[in-house]
Protein backbone atom coordinates (compact mmCIF):
# COMPACT_ATOMS: atom_id res chain seq x y z
CA MET A 1 -39.70 -35.23 63.16
CA LYS A 2 -37.56 -38.00 64.62
CA VAL A 3 -37.27 -41.20 62.58
CA ALA A 4 -35.01 -44.24 62.89
CA THR A 5 -34.90 -47.93 62.06
CA GLY A 6 -33.90 -51.10 63.83
CA LEU A 7 -33.06 -54.48 62.30
CA VAL A 8 -32.60 -57.67 64.33
CA ILE A 9 -31.73 -61.11 62.96
CA GLY A 10 -32.18 -64.34 64.92
CA LYS A 11 -32.03 -68.11 64.67
CA LYS A 12 -35.78 -68.57 65.16
CA ALA A 13 -38.91 -66.47 64.72
CA SER A 14 -39.36 -65.28 68.29
CA PRO A 15 -41.41 -62.24 69.41
CA GLU A 16 -38.24 -60.86 71.02
CA LEU A 17 -36.86 -60.05 67.56
CA ALA A 18 -39.73 -57.61 66.98
CA SER A 19 -39.41 -55.96 70.38
CA GLN A 20 -35.64 -55.69 69.99
CA ALA A 21 -35.98 -54.10 66.53
CA VAL A 22 -38.39 -51.50 67.92
CA ALA A 23 -36.18 -50.84 70.96
CA ALA A 24 -33.10 -50.40 68.75
CA ALA A 25 -34.95 -47.90 66.53
CA MET A 26 -36.24 -45.96 69.56
CA LEU A 27 -32.74 -45.75 71.03
CA LYS A 28 -31.28 -44.56 67.72
CA ALA A 29 -33.96 -41.86 67.34
CA ASN A 30 -34.00 -40.94 71.04
CA ILE A 31 -37.75 -41.56 71.14
CA HIS A 32 -39.32 -42.83 74.37
CA ALA A 33 -42.89 -43.17 73.05
CA PRO A 34 -43.26 -43.38 69.24
CA SER A 35 -46.44 -42.07 67.65
CA SER A 36 -46.37 -44.90 65.09
CA VAL A 37 -44.30 -47.89 63.98
CA LEU A 38 -43.74 -49.65 60.67
CA LEU A 39 -42.98 -53.32 61.34
CA PHE A 40 -41.88 -55.85 58.72
CA LEU A 41 -41.23 -59.50 59.59
CA THR A 42 -39.67 -62.27 57.53
CA SER A 43 -41.77 -65.19 56.32
CA GLU A 44 -40.74 -67.35 59.28
CA PHE A 45 -43.28 -65.30 61.28
CA ALA A 46 -46.08 -65.74 58.73
CA ALA A 47 -47.80 -68.66 60.48
CA ASP A 48 -48.25 -66.67 63.71
CA PRO A 49 -47.24 -63.00 63.54
CA HIS A 50 -49.60 -61.94 66.35
CA SER A 51 -47.20 -62.52 69.23
CA ALA A 52 -44.46 -60.53 67.48
CA ILE A 53 -46.86 -57.65 66.78
CA VAL A 54 -47.91 -57.59 70.44
CA ALA A 55 -44.25 -57.61 71.53
CA ALA A 56 -43.53 -54.66 69.23
CA ALA A 57 -46.55 -52.76 70.59
CA LYS A 58 -45.41 -53.32 74.17
CA ALA A 59 -41.88 -52.18 73.38
CA ALA A 60 -43.19 -49.01 71.72
CA SER A 61 -46.13 -48.42 74.10
CA CYS A 62 -48.02 -47.77 70.87
CA THR A 63 -50.83 -49.51 68.96
CA GLN A 64 -50.33 -47.62 65.68
CA ILE A 65 -48.34 -50.46 64.13
CA ILE A 66 -48.72 -51.45 60.48
CA GLY A 67 -46.74 -53.80 58.30
CA CYS A 68 -46.61 -57.29 56.85
CA SER A 69 -44.51 -60.42 56.59
CA ALA A 70 -42.39 -60.99 53.49
CA THR A 71 -39.68 -63.26 52.14
CA GLY A 72 -37.01 -60.64 52.78
CA ILE A 73 -36.79 -57.33 54.63
CA PHE A 74 -34.26 -54.53 54.92
CA THR A 75 -33.29 -51.20 56.41
CA GLU A 76 -30.44 -48.87 55.53
CA GLU A 77 -28.36 -51.07 57.84
CA ASP A 78 -28.65 -54.35 55.92
CA TRP A 79 -30.94 -56.72 54.05
CA VAL A 80 -32.08 -60.17 55.18
CA LEU A 81 -33.18 -63.21 53.19
CA ASP A 82 -33.51 -66.82 54.42
CA SER A 83 -33.20 -65.94 58.13
CA PRO A 84 -35.77 -64.93 60.77
CA ALA A 85 -35.63 -61.16 61.22
CA ALA A 86 -37.64 -58.10 62.18
CA ALA A 87 -37.29 -54.54 60.86
CA ALA A 88 -38.93 -51.53 62.47
CA MET A 89 -39.14 -47.83 61.69
CA VAL A 90 -40.34 -45.55 64.51
CA PHE A 91 -41.71 -42.01 64.21
CA SER A 92 -42.06 -39.24 66.77
CA ASP A 93 -44.66 -37.08 64.99
CA LEU A 94 -46.28 -39.16 62.27
CA SER A 95 -49.58 -41.04 62.38
CA PHE A 96 -51.18 -43.58 60.08
CA THR A 97 -54.74 -42.58 59.23
CA HIS A 98 -57.22 -44.91 57.59
CA ALA A 99 -58.66 -43.22 54.49
CA SER A 100 -62.28 -43.68 53.51
CA LEU A 101 -62.99 -43.78 49.79
CA GLU A 102 -65.19 -40.69 50.13
CA ASN A 103 -62.20 -38.58 51.20
CA THR A 104 -59.30 -39.92 49.20
CA ASP A 105 -58.92 -37.26 46.50
CA GLU A 106 -55.26 -36.32 46.08
CA ASN A 107 -54.23 -38.65 48.91
CA LEU A 108 -51.09 -40.71 48.72
CA LEU A 109 -51.85 -44.01 50.44
CA LEU A 110 -49.35 -46.52 51.75
CA THR A 111 -50.88 -49.82 50.65
CA LEU A 112 -49.79 -53.28 51.80
CA ALA A 113 -51.58 -56.40 50.59
CA ALA A 114 -51.47 -60.18 50.71
CA PRO A 115 -51.38 -61.87 47.26
CA ASN A 116 -54.98 -63.09 47.50
CA ALA A 117 -56.28 -59.62 48.46
CA ILE A 118 -55.27 -57.77 45.29
CA ASN A 119 -58.25 -56.74 43.18
CA THR A 120 -59.25 -53.78 41.04
CA THR A 121 -62.24 -52.93 43.24
CA TRP A 122 -60.10 -51.09 45.76
CA LEU A 123 -56.79 -50.74 43.88
CA ASN A 124 -58.39 -48.27 41.48
CA ALA A 125 -61.62 -47.20 43.16
CA PRO A 126 -63.85 -45.22 40.78
CA ASN A 127 -64.33 -41.47 41.14
CA THR A 128 -61.22 -40.91 43.26
CA ASN A 129 -57.73 -39.61 42.60
CA THR A 130 -56.14 -41.86 45.18
CA ARG A 131 -52.47 -42.56 44.54
CA ARG A 132 -51.31 -45.83 46.05
CA PHE A 133 -47.79 -47.03 46.70
CA GLY A 134 -46.48 -50.08 48.50
CA GLY A 135 -46.05 -53.76 47.96
CA VAL A 136 -47.52 -57.26 48.02
CA SER A 137 -46.18 -59.64 50.62
CA GLY A 138 -45.38 -63.12 49.41
CA ASP A 139 -42.80 -65.63 48.33
CA ALA A 140 -41.57 -66.36 44.83
CA THR A 141 -44.78 -68.24 43.99
CA GLY A 142 -47.21 -66.03 45.91
CA HIS A 143 -48.83 -68.94 47.76
CA GLY A 144 -47.34 -68.55 51.22
CA PRO A 145 -49.43 -67.90 54.36
CA PHE A 146 -48.48 -64.23 54.58
CA SER A 147 -50.37 -61.61 56.50
CA VAL A 148 -50.83 -57.87 56.84
CA TRP A 149 -51.48 -55.90 60.01
CA GLN A 150 -52.85 -52.49 60.89
CA ASN A 151 -53.45 -50.83 64.27
CA GLY A 152 -51.44 -53.59 65.92
CA LYS A 153 -53.58 -56.49 64.67
CA GLY A 154 -54.16 -58.53 61.54
CA THR A 155 -56.54 -57.23 58.91
CA THR A 156 -59.45 -59.43 57.91
CA GLN A 157 -59.53 -58.08 54.35
CA GLY A 158 -55.87 -58.97 53.75
CA TYR A 159 -54.67 -55.44 53.02
CA CYS A 160 -54.25 -52.08 54.69
CA GLU A 161 -54.34 -48.56 53.27
CA VAL A 162 -53.24 -45.54 55.29
CA SER A 163 -52.23 -41.96 54.69
CA LEU A 164 -49.11 -40.63 56.41
CA GLN A 165 -50.27 -37.66 58.41
CA ASN A 166 -47.77 -34.85 59.09
CA ALA A 167 -45.52 -35.99 56.24
CA SER A 168 -45.35 -35.11 52.56
CA GLY A 169 -43.93 -37.45 50.00
CA ALA A 170 -43.00 -38.12 46.42
CA VAL A 171 -43.28 -41.64 45.01
CA GLY A 172 -41.98 -43.24 41.84
CA ALA A 173 -41.27 -46.62 40.27
CA SER A 174 -37.99 -47.84 38.86
CA HIS A 175 -38.53 -50.65 36.37
CA GLY A 176 -34.91 -51.48 35.58
CA LEU A 177 -35.64 -52.31 31.96
CA LYS A 178 -33.82 -51.73 28.71
CA ILE A 179 -36.21 -50.90 25.86
CA ILE A 180 -35.29 -53.00 22.82
CA SER A 181 -37.94 -51.81 20.34
CA ALA A 182 -39.49 -48.48 19.44
CA PRO A 183 -43.06 -47.84 20.64
CA ARG A 184 -45.66 -49.10 18.18
CA ARG A 185 -49.43 -49.06 18.27
CA ILE A 186 -51.27 -52.32 19.05
CA THR A 187 -53.60 -53.12 16.15
CA ALA A 188 -55.27 -56.39 17.23
CA VAL A 189 -55.79 -58.23 20.52
CA GLU A 190 -57.84 -61.15 21.78
CA GLY A 191 -58.02 -61.45 25.56
CA ASN A 192 -54.45 -61.67 26.86
CA ASP A 193 -53.11 -62.37 23.38
CA VAL A 194 -51.54 -59.53 21.41
CA LEU A 195 -52.14 -60.47 17.79
CA SER A 196 -50.58 -57.62 15.84
CA ILE A 197 -48.53 -54.49 16.42
CA ALA A 198 -48.43 -51.82 13.70
CA SER A 199 -50.33 -54.40 11.56
CA LEU A 200 -47.41 -56.82 11.90
CA PRO A 201 -47.66 -60.18 13.71
CA ALA A 202 -46.82 -59.63 17.39
CA PHE A 203 -44.53 -62.66 17.42
CA ALA A 204 -42.55 -61.23 14.49
CA THR A 205 -42.03 -57.89 16.26
CA LEU A 206 -40.84 -59.62 19.44
CA ASN A 207 -38.56 -61.93 17.48
CA ALA A 208 -37.05 -59.02 15.55
CA ALA A 209 -36.47 -57.02 18.73
CA TRP A 210 -34.84 -59.98 20.48
CA GLN A 211 -32.57 -60.83 17.54
CA LYS A 212 -31.49 -57.21 17.17
CA HIS A 213 -30.69 -57.03 20.87
CA ASN A 214 -29.13 -60.46 21.28
CA GLY A 215 -27.69 -61.06 17.84
CA ALA A 216 -28.91 -64.66 17.93
CA THR A 217 -31.99 -66.75 17.24
CA GLU A 218 -31.99 -68.75 20.48
CA HIS A 219 -35.24 -69.18 22.41
CA PHE A 220 -36.74 -66.16 24.13
CA PRO A 221 -35.79 -65.76 27.82
CA TYR A 222 -39.37 -65.26 28.98
CA HIS A 223 -38.31 -64.52 32.56
CA GLN A 224 -36.31 -61.51 31.33
CA LEU A 225 -38.47 -60.08 28.56
CA MET A 226 -41.40 -57.76 29.26
CA ALA A 227 -44.03 -55.79 27.39
CA VAL A 228 -44.23 -52.12 28.37
CA HIS A 229 -47.35 -50.21 27.42
CA ALA A 230 -48.94 -46.79 27.65
CA SER A 231 -51.67 -44.75 26.00
CA LYS A 232 -49.06 -42.61 24.23
CA ALA A 233 -45.67 -43.35 22.71
CA SER A 234 -44.21 -40.33 24.51
CA ALA A 235 -45.14 -41.86 27.88
CA ILE A 236 -43.03 -44.94 27.12
CA GLU A 237 -40.15 -42.71 26.07
CA ARG A 238 -40.41 -40.88 29.43
CA GLY A 239 -40.42 -44.16 31.33
CA GLU A 240 -44.04 -43.73 32.45
CA TYR A 241 -45.49 -47.07 31.44
CA GLY A 242 -47.24 -50.16 32.71
CA LEU A 243 -45.74 -53.63 32.59
CA ALA A 244 -46.89 -57.06 31.46
CA SER A 245 -44.86 -60.25 31.63
CA ILE A 246 -44.76 -62.59 28.67
CA ILE A 247 -46.36 -65.99 29.25
CA ILE A 248 -45.49 -67.43 25.86
CA ALA A 249 -44.77 -66.39 22.28
CA ASN A 250 -46.93 -68.47 19.94
CA GLU A 251 -45.09 -69.17 16.74
CA ASP A 252 -48.05 -71.07 15.28
CA ASN A 253 -50.47 -68.14 15.19
CA GLN A 254 -47.82 -65.42 15.59
CA SER A 255 -49.37 -64.02 18.79
CA VAL A 256 -47.78 -63.17 22.16
CA THR A 257 -49.64 -64.08 25.36
CA LEU A 258 -49.21 -61.63 28.24
CA THR A 259 -50.13 -61.76 31.92
CA LYS A 260 -52.85 -59.12 31.43
CA PRO A 261 -54.99 -57.87 28.55
CA LEU A 262 -53.95 -54.79 26.60
CA HIS A 263 -56.08 -52.78 24.22
CA VAL A 264 -56.10 -51.80 20.57
CA ASP A 265 -54.47 -48.37 20.14
CA ASP A 266 -52.28 -48.83 23.24
CA TRP A 267 -48.61 -48.29 22.50
CA LEU A 268 -46.19 -51.14 23.19
CA SER A 269 -42.45 -51.66 23.29
CA TRP A 270 -40.55 -54.83 24.07
CA ALA A 271 -38.02 -54.60 26.90
CA ILE A 272 -35.57 -56.75 28.78
CA ARG A 273 -34.46 -56.73 32.39
CA ASP A 274 -30.96 -55.28 32.54
CA ILE A 275 -28.64 -54.71 35.52
CA ASP A 276 -26.94 -51.61 34.14
CA SER A 277 -30.25 -50.03 33.14
CA ALA A 278 -31.70 -50.82 36.56
CA GLN A 279 -28.91 -49.02 38.39
CA VAL A 280 -29.16 -45.96 36.17
CA ASP A 281 -32.93 -45.91 36.56
CA ILE A 282 -33.02 -46.15 40.38
CA VAL A 283 -30.63 -43.17 40.63
CA LYS A 284 -32.70 -41.20 38.12
CA THR A 285 -35.89 -42.02 40.04
CA ALA A 286 -34.40 -41.06 43.41
CA ASN A 287 -33.05 -37.74 42.14
CA SER A 288 -36.37 -36.91 40.48
CA LEU A 289 -38.26 -37.56 43.72
CA LYS A 290 -35.83 -35.45 45.73
CA ARG A 291 -36.45 -32.48 43.41
CA GLN A 292 -40.17 -32.69 44.18
CA LEU A 293 -39.59 -32.22 47.91
CA VAL A 294 -39.28 -28.74 49.39
CA ASP A 295 -36.92 -29.96 52.12
CA GLU A 296 -34.42 -32.77 52.43
CA PRO A 297 -36.07 -36.19 52.84
CA GLU A 298 -36.32 -37.42 56.43
CA PHE A 299 -37.05 -41.06 55.62
CA ALA A 300 -37.55 -43.43 52.71
CA LEU A 301 -39.82 -46.40 52.05
CA LEU A 302 -38.68 -48.89 49.43
CA PHE A 303 -40.68 -51.82 48.06
CA SER A 304 -38.66 -54.11 45.84
CA CYS A 305 -39.54 -57.23 43.89
CA LEU A 306 -37.96 -60.42 45.20
CA GLY A 307 -36.53 -60.81 41.69
CA ARG A 308 -35.08 -57.29 41.76
CA GLY A 309 -32.97 -57.39 44.96
CA PRO A 310 -29.85 -59.47 45.69
CA TYR A 311 -31.03 -62.30 43.42
CA PHE A 312 -30.94 -59.89 40.47
CA TYR A 313 -27.73 -58.12 41.44
CA ASN A 314 -25.61 -61.22 42.03
CA GLY A 315 -25.76 -61.20 45.83
CA VAL A 316 -25.77 -57.44 46.46
CA ASP A 317 -28.82 -55.17 46.60
CA GLN A 318 -27.53 -52.40 44.37
CA ASP A 319 -30.80 -50.46 44.59
CA LEU A 320 -30.44 -50.14 48.36
CA ALA A 321 -26.72 -49.41 48.09
CA LEU A 322 -27.23 -46.62 45.56
CA ILE A 323 -30.01 -44.98 47.57
CA LYS A 324 -27.76 -45.08 50.65
CA THR A 325 -25.01 -43.41 48.63
CA LEU A 326 -27.36 -40.67 47.42
CA PHE A 327 -28.82 -40.09 50.91
CA PRO A 328 -26.25 -40.93 53.61
CA ASN A 329 -27.75 -41.58 57.05
CA LEU A 330 -31.31 -41.50 55.70
CA PRO A 331 -33.56 -44.01 57.52
CA ILE A 332 -34.82 -46.56 54.99
CA ILE A 333 -37.14 -49.53 55.43
CA GLY A 334 -38.82 -51.95 53.06
CA PHE A 335 -39.25 -55.52 51.92
CA TYR A 336 -38.84 -57.88 48.96
CA GLY A 337 -42.34 -58.75 47.82
CA ASN A 338 -44.51 -60.47 45.30
CA GLY A 339 -45.55 -57.30 43.49
CA GLU A 340 -45.16 -53.55 43.79
CA ILE A 341 -47.83 -50.83 43.74
CA ALA A 342 -47.29 -47.35 42.31
CA PRO A 343 -49.29 -44.62 40.56
CA ILE A 344 -48.36 -44.36 36.89
CA ASN A 345 -50.13 -41.97 34.52
CA GLY A 346 -53.08 -41.66 36.90
CA ILE A 347 -53.54 -45.41 37.35
CA ASN A 348 -52.47 -47.47 40.35
CA GLU A 349 -50.42 -50.19 38.72
CA LEU A 350 -49.53 -53.59 40.13
CA LEU A 351 -45.95 -53.97 38.94
CA GLN A 352 -43.45 -56.80 38.58
CA TYR A 353 -39.65 -56.82 38.83
CA SER A 354 -39.73 -53.17 39.91
CA ALA A 355 -38.65 -51.05 42.85
CA VAL A 356 -41.09 -48.47 44.25
CA LEU A 357 -39.42 -45.67 46.20
CA GLY A 358 -41.02 -43.04 48.39
CA LEU A 359 -39.13 -40.08 49.89
CA PHE A 360 -40.79 -38.18 52.71
CA SER A 361 -40.33 -34.93 54.61
CA LYS A 362 -42.53 -32.63 56.69
CA SER A 363 -42.86 -30.08 53.88
CA ASN A 364 -45.56 -29.71 51.26
CA VAL A 365 -44.95 -31.27 47.87
CA ALA A 366 -46.58 -31.50 44.49
CA TYR A 367 -47.38 -35.19 44.09
CA LEU A 368 -46.71 -37.12 40.93
């Protein structure tokens, strides 16, 4: 399999950027007619991506083009934020196949979605073992006019889901969190409010964890603290957990309001976003995925939260840099989005502040 990427940056969002990115990738891979193309465009294209998609299709002589627009995009060459740019990955022997829900058992589906298209109806379809990975296009607020395309044209449903034929992959999520409290069982909830944990007021457990970590009683940094949860304490200890951001800690009634409802008997730990932990975790995730592959990976797909990339790492995308160090010359493509999708403990989770990595080769693999 031949795979390569191209990244082109310009002063305005012109279709030529897309065609040039595809042409650069084809030249690098020595491919004259790709079987398929992944195309990511920056948000400057969001109002009218059609002309750029058509330009990419003409350059590749191929209609199997999927992708989306996002605030930032990257390849192994570089990352781009705040400038018009196009990133393409071309393949010689890989095709994107639409998967019907009747035939999705054990499939690993690349899933791209606009913010307004995310819903549980298709994210976790009943009676299937579909494992989804990918990202949500969008800006920091999630209200931009972003789009998704498949088969060289925009999708009316706002998302696409395809299997990667002739490639096997392993996918995992790196949360980049430091756990600051031991897992405890949730004992009372009301909607999105966690009322008590281990029969103690939820607010008191969060406050104790924060003071122990920070050594001070200053206000909680809600943008950094998270609730991590799983059905078993051991899952949290293994790093296999779901995430929920904290909306507010209510000192009056001692509850903590989260961005999604949890359940009594779930296990919960409090955690904080941490640069050192994030770097250790992305390396651990990448090495674990590599061990699942029979052969060396031939390409990587990386979907990173806008708050996880250069904005988190003080102007340098350390996740991308570390993956490049682990896998020199490996073609990598991805974008900074408004949410990340990954299978965790049998459930397709919509994540925040995470990085979802997929490594792919032509060999068979035991999926996560």
